[in-house]
Amino acid sequence: QVQLVESGGGLVQPGGSLRLSCAASGSIFDIYAAAWFRQAPGKQRELVAAVTPIGFTNYADSVKGRFTISRDNAKNTVYLQMNSLKPEDTAVYYCKAVRGASEYWGQGTQVTVSS
């Protein structure tokens, strides 16, 4: 069992930056793959970025070059550094941990990009 708690969301102007954190507890987190998803109003939840237990990453085309996912296994935390934010990045951002058939979600954190 893994519990995930996201933080770091908020209101930011276009072109600004935010760093989201996802703190995990309850299990050995470094054996899990982790990912950030987002869901905008009226849209399906979509993958933003993912990181494997050993640090391989992949990104949605819409965020490549602007967002960076990373993990600190010693702190049981996954981060999403978001730069050059655009209004279309506005969404609730969710953290997910996966190992085999087991998957866990956080409660989400709101990111709003607006002037």
Protein backbone atom coordinates (compact mmCIF):
# COMPACT_ATOMS: atom_id res chain seq x y z
CA GLN A 1 0.00 0.00 0.00
CA VAL A 2 1.26 3.45 -0.96
CA GLN A 3 -0.17 6.79 0.06
CA LEU A 4 0.60 9.77 -2.16
CA VAL A 5 0.24 13.45 -1.28
CA GLU A 6 0.79 16.15 -3.89
CA SER A 7 1.71 19.75 -3.13
CA GLY A 8 3.06 22.82 -4.87
CA GLY A 9 0.15 23.81 -7.06
CA GLY A 10 -1.18 27.33 -7.31
CA LEU A 11 -1.81 30.32 -9.52
CA VAL A 12 1.01 31.47 -11.80
CA GLN A 13 1.28 33.87 -14.71
CA PRO A 14 2.04 32.64 -18.23
CA GLY A 15 5.78 32.08 -18.59
CA GLY A 16 6.17 31.36 -14.90
CA SER A 17 7.33 28.26 -13.07
CA LEU A 18 6.07 25.88 -10.41
CA ARG A 19 7.47 22.76 -8.81
CA LEU A 20 5.06 20.04 -7.79
CA SER A 21 5.99 17.46 -5.18
CA CYS A 22 4.52 14.02 -4.56
CA ALA A 23 5.39 12.55 -1.20
CA ALA A 24 4.94 8.79 -0.81
CA SER A 25 4.53 6.75 2.34
CA GLY A 26 3.56 3.26 3.34
CA SER A 27 5.86 1.14 1.20
CA ILE A 28 9.27 0.93 -0.40
CA PHE A 29 8.76 3.68 -2.92
CA ASP A 30 11.93 3.20 -4.94
CA ILE A 31 10.57 0.01 -6.52
CA TYR A 32 7.63 1.86 -8.04
CA ALA A 33 7.43 3.69 -11.32
CA ALA A 34 5.90 7.12 -10.84
CA ALA A 35 4.10 9.53 -13.10
CA TRP A 36 2.31 12.85 -13.23
CA PHE A 37 -1.05 13.10 -14.97
CA ARG A 38 -3.31 16.09 -15.42
CA GLN A 39 -6.97 16.66 -16.06
CA ALA A 40 -8.42 19.89 -17.34
CA PRO A 41 -12.16 20.68 -17.04
CA GLY A 42 -14.13 18.73 -19.60
CA LYS A 43 -11.12 16.75 -20.76
CA GLN A 44 -9.77 13.27 -20.11
CA ARG A 45 -6.91 12.69 -17.73
CA GLU A 46 -3.63 12.62 -19.66
CA LEU A 47 -0.09 11.52 -18.95
CA VAL A 48 2.34 14.40 -18.49
CA ALA A 49 5.58 12.68 -17.49
CA ALA A 50 6.80 9.39 -16.03
CA VAL A 51 9.94 8.09 -14.36
CA THR A 52 11.03 4.48 -13.83
CA PRO A 53 12.55 3.19 -10.56
CA ILE A 54 16.05 3.68 -12.03
CA GLY A 55 15.36 7.12 -13.44
CA PHE A 56 14.41 6.70 -17.08
CA THR A 57 11.91 9.37 -18.08
CA ASN A 58 9.36 10.10 -20.78
CA TYR A 59 7.18 13.13 -21.49
CA ALA A 60 4.08 14.14 -23.35
CA ASP A 61 4.97 16.05 -26.51
CA SER A 62 3.12 19.10 -25.19
CA VAL A 63 5.52 19.50 -22.23
CA LYS A 64 8.85 18.35 -23.67
CA GLY A 65 11.55 20.91 -23.06
CA ARG A 66 9.46 22.73 -20.45
CA PHE A 67 8.75 20.15 -17.72
CA THR A 68 11.18 17.90 -15.87
CA ILE A 69 10.24 14.90 -13.76
CA SER A 70 12.66 13.65 -11.13
CA ARG A 71 12.66 11.48 -8.04
CA ASP A 72 14.52 11.41 -4.76
CA ASN A 73 14.14 7.88 -3.43
CA ALA A 74 15.84 8.80 -0.15
CA LYS A 75 12.99 11.25 0.46
CA ASN A 76 10.27 9.07 -1.13
CA THR A 77 9.36 12.02 -3.31
CA VAL A 78 8.75 12.65 -7.00
CA TYR A 79 8.93 16.15 -8.42
CA LEU A 80 7.62 17.90 -11.51
CA GLN A 81 9.45 21.09 -12.38
CA MET A 82 7.27 23.13 -14.72
CA ASN A 83 8.77 26.06 -16.60
CA SER A 84 7.45 28.37 -19.31
CA LEU A 85 3.91 27.62 -18.20
CA LYS A 86 1.05 28.26 -20.60
CA PRO A 87 -2.66 28.78 -19.97
CA GLU A 88 -3.30 25.38 -21.54
CA ASP A 89 -1.28 23.78 -18.71
CA THR A 90 -4.13 24.69 -16.35
CA ALA A 91 -5.44 21.47 -14.79
CA VAL A 92 -5.54 19.35 -11.69
CA TYR A 93 -2.25 17.46 -11.52
CA TYR A 94 -2.18 13.95 -10.08
CA CYS A 95 0.68 11.75 -8.98
CA LYS A 96 0.55 8.01 -9.67
CA ALA A 97 2.73 5.14 -8.45
CA VAL A 98 2.75 1.79 -10.25
CA ARG A 99 4.29 -1.61 -9.62
CA GLY A 100 2.97 -4.55 -11.56
CA ALA A 101 -0.80 -4.69 -11.17
CA SER A 102 -0.78 -2.27 -8.24
CA GLU A 103 -1.38 1.41 -8.80
CA TYR A 104 -2.02 4.30 -6.45
CA TRP A 105 -3.16 7.89 -6.99
CA GLY A 106 -2.82 11.07 -5.02
CA GLN A 107 -5.68 13.49 -4.44
CA GLY A 108 -4.44 16.05 -6.95
CA THR A 109 -3.22 19.64 -6.83
CA GLN A 110 -4.64 22.52 -8.86
CA VAL A 111 -2.39 24.43 -11.24
CA THR A 112 -3.83 27.56 -12.80
CA VAL A 113 -1.90 29.56 -15.39
CA SER A 114 -3.49 32.93 -15.92
CA SER A 115 -2.66 36.60 -16.12
